[in-house]
Amino acid sequence: MNLDNQLSILREHESDCYTICLMILRSEEMAARAAKKALLQLWTHEAFMQMDPSERPGVLKSVSIRWALEFRKSAGRC
């Protein structure tokens, strides 16, 4: 898969990723950072890029939640 296709796939899910992170974190700054990490992880997740488009939202949700919770956990340490 070429880079343009990968970018297109991530752009399709960028808003949903941020929205999930924002709902959990309630901070625009932290949500943006968590969403960036989630999207970067998905960028290198070859199976995500190759899977059927109808299956991607579930994976996106899992990865987004994982990163948001990681950011929330690390914010609690400060």
C-alpha atoms as a PDB file:
ATOM      1  CA  MET A   1       0.000   0.000   0.000  1.00  0.00           C
ATOM      2  CA  ASN A   2       1.401   3.391  -0.913  1.00  0.00           C
ATOM      3  CA  LEU A   3       1.783   6.343   1.431  1.00  0.00           C
ATOM      4  CA  ASP A   4      -1.085   8.308  -0.115  1.00  0.00           C
ATOM      5  CA  ASN A   5      -3.489   5.447   0.589  1.00  0.00           C
ATOM      6  CA  GLN A   6      -2.232   5.123   4.160  1.00  0.00           C
ATOM      7  CA  LEU A   7      -2.635   8.859   4.747  1.00  0.00           C
ATOM      8  CA  SER A   8      -6.102   8.771   3.290  1.00  0.00           C
ATOM      9  CA  ILE A   9      -7.117   5.974   5.639  1.00  0.00           C
ATOM     10  CA  LEU A  10      -5.773   7.819   8.670  1.00  0.00           C
ATOM     11  CA  ARG A  11      -7.461  11.069   7.644  1.00  0.00           C
ATOM     12  CA  GLU A  12     -10.781   9.233   7.464  1.00  0.00           C
ATOM     13  CA  HIS A  13     -10.407   8.275  11.119  1.00  0.00           C
ATOM     14  CA  GLU A  14      -8.590  11.296  12.540  1.00  0.00           C
ATOM     15  CA  SER A  15     -11.692  13.066  13.829  1.00  0.00           C
ATOM     16  CA  ASP A  16     -13.128   9.938  15.452  1.00  0.00           C
ATOM     17  CA  CYS A  17      -9.818   9.229  17.137  1.00  0.00           C
ATOM     18  CA  TYR A  18      -9.636  12.742  18.582  1.00  0.00           C
ATOM     19  CA  THR A  19     -13.285  12.622  19.697  1.00  0.00           C
ATOM     20  CA  ILE A  20     -12.746   9.360  21.587  1.00  0.00           C
ATOM     21  CA  CYS A  21      -9.655  10.749  23.295  1.00  0.00           C
ATOM     22  CA  LEU A  22     -11.429  14.005  24.166  1.00  0.00           C
ATOM     23  CA  MET A  23     -14.384  12.184  25.731  1.00  0.00           C
ATOM     24  CA  ILE A  24     -12.018  10.310  28.029  1.00  0.00           C
ATOM     25  CA  LEU A  25      -9.515  13.053  28.807  1.00  0.00           C
ATOM     26  CA  ARG A  26     -11.723  16.180  28.819  1.00  0.00           C
ATOM     27  CA  SER A  27      -8.681  18.184  27.761  1.00  0.00           C
ATOM     28  CA  GLU A  28      -8.181  19.336  24.194  1.00  0.00           C
ATOM     29  CA  GLU A  29      -4.401  19.442  24.569  1.00  0.00           C
ATOM     30  CA  MET A  30      -4.118  15.958  26.038  1.00  0.00           C
ATOM     31  CA  ALA A  31      -6.669  14.573  23.568  1.00  0.00           C
ATOM     32  CA  ALA A  32      -4.675  15.936  20.648  1.00  0.00           C
ATOM     33  CA  ARG A  33      -1.491  14.373  22.009  1.00  0.00           C
ATOM     34  CA  ALA A  34      -3.173  11.021  22.689  1.00  0.00           C
ATOM     35  CA  ALA A  35      -4.822  10.996  19.260  1.00  0.00           C
ATOM     36  CA  LYS A  36      -1.465  11.720  17.638  1.00  0.00           C
ATOM     37  CA  LYS A  37       0.091   8.725  19.410  1.00  0.00           C
ATOM     38  CA  ALA A  38      -2.851   6.512  18.443  1.00  0.00           C
ATOM     39  CA  LEU A  39      -2.683   7.546  14.795  1.00  0.00           C
ATOM     40  CA  LEU A  40       1.078   7.032  14.727  1.00  0.00           C
ATOM     41  CA  GLN A  41       0.577   3.527  16.097  1.00  0.00           C
ATOM     42  CA  LEU A  42      -2.039   2.819  13.431  1.00  0.00           C
ATOM     43  CA  TRP A  43       0.283   4.212  10.749  1.00  0.00           C
ATOM     44  CA  THR A  44       2.670   1.343  11.477  1.00  0.00           C
ATOM     45  CA  HIS A  45      -0.093  -1.228  12.019  1.00  0.00           C
ATOM     46  CA  GLU A  46       0.021  -2.997   8.667  1.00  0.00           C
ATOM     47  CA  ALA A  47      -2.990  -5.176   9.462  1.00  0.00           C
ATOM     48  CA  PHE A  48      -5.081  -2.047  10.144  1.00  0.00           C
ATOM     49  CA  MET A  49      -4.201  -0.672   6.745  1.00  0.00           C
ATOM     50  CA  GLN A  50      -5.025  -3.950   5.001  1.00  0.00           C
ATOM     51  CA  MET A  51      -8.223  -4.867   6.856  1.00  0.00           C
ATOM     52  CA  ASP A  52     -11.711  -4.413   5.551  1.00  0.00           C
ATOM     53  CA  PRO A  53     -12.824  -0.784   6.056  1.00  0.00           C
ATOM     54  CA  SER A  54     -15.817  -1.930   8.119  1.00  0.00           C
ATOM     55  CA  GLU A  55     -13.437  -3.492  10.686  1.00  0.00           C
ATOM     56  CA  ARG A  56     -11.228  -0.424  11.163  1.00  0.00           C
ATOM     57  CA  PRO A  57     -13.497   1.539  13.534  1.00  0.00           C
ATOM     58  CA  GLY A  58     -13.263  -1.171  16.192  1.00  0.00           C
ATOM     59  CA  VAL A  59      -9.479  -1.224  16.061  1.00  0.00           C
ATOM     60  CA  LEU A  60      -9.363   2.576  15.997  1.00  0.00           C
ATOM     61  CA  LYS A  61     -11.575   2.722  19.084  1.00  0.00           C
ATOM     62  CA  SER A  62      -9.394   0.249  20.995  1.00  0.00           C
ATOM     63  CA  VAL A  63      -6.146   2.029  20.151  1.00  0.00           C
ATOM     64  CA  SER A  64      -7.628   5.462  20.882  1.00  0.00           C
ATOM     65  CA  ILE A  65      -8.965   4.369  24.256  1.00  0.00           C
ATOM     66  CA  ARG A  66      -5.667   2.730  25.154  1.00  0.00           C
ATOM     67  CA  TRP A  67      -3.700   5.922  24.430  1.00  0.00           C
ATOM     68  CA  ALA A  68      -6.218   8.176  26.169  1.00  0.00           C
ATOM     69  CA  LEU A  69      -6.085   6.025  29.293  1.00  0.00           C
ATOM     70  CA  GLU A  70      -2.293   6.011  29.150  1.00  0.00           C
ATOM     71  CA  PHE A  71      -2.274   9.825  29.031  1.00  0.00           C
ATOM     72  CA  ARG A  72      -4.826  10.029  31.861  1.00  0.00           C
ATOM     73  CA  LYS A  73      -2.708   7.663  33.950  1.00  0.00           C
ATOM     74  CA  SER A  74       0.472   9.643  33.331  1.00  0.00           C
ATOM     75  CA  ALA A  75      -1.311  12.939  34.119  1.00  0.00           C
ATOM     76  CA  GLY A  76      -2.315  11.529  37.495  1.00  0.00           C
ATOM     77  CA  ARG A  77       1.330  11.020  38.412  1.00  0.00           C
ATOM     78  CA  CYS A  78       2.133  14.730  38.187  1.00  0.00           C
END
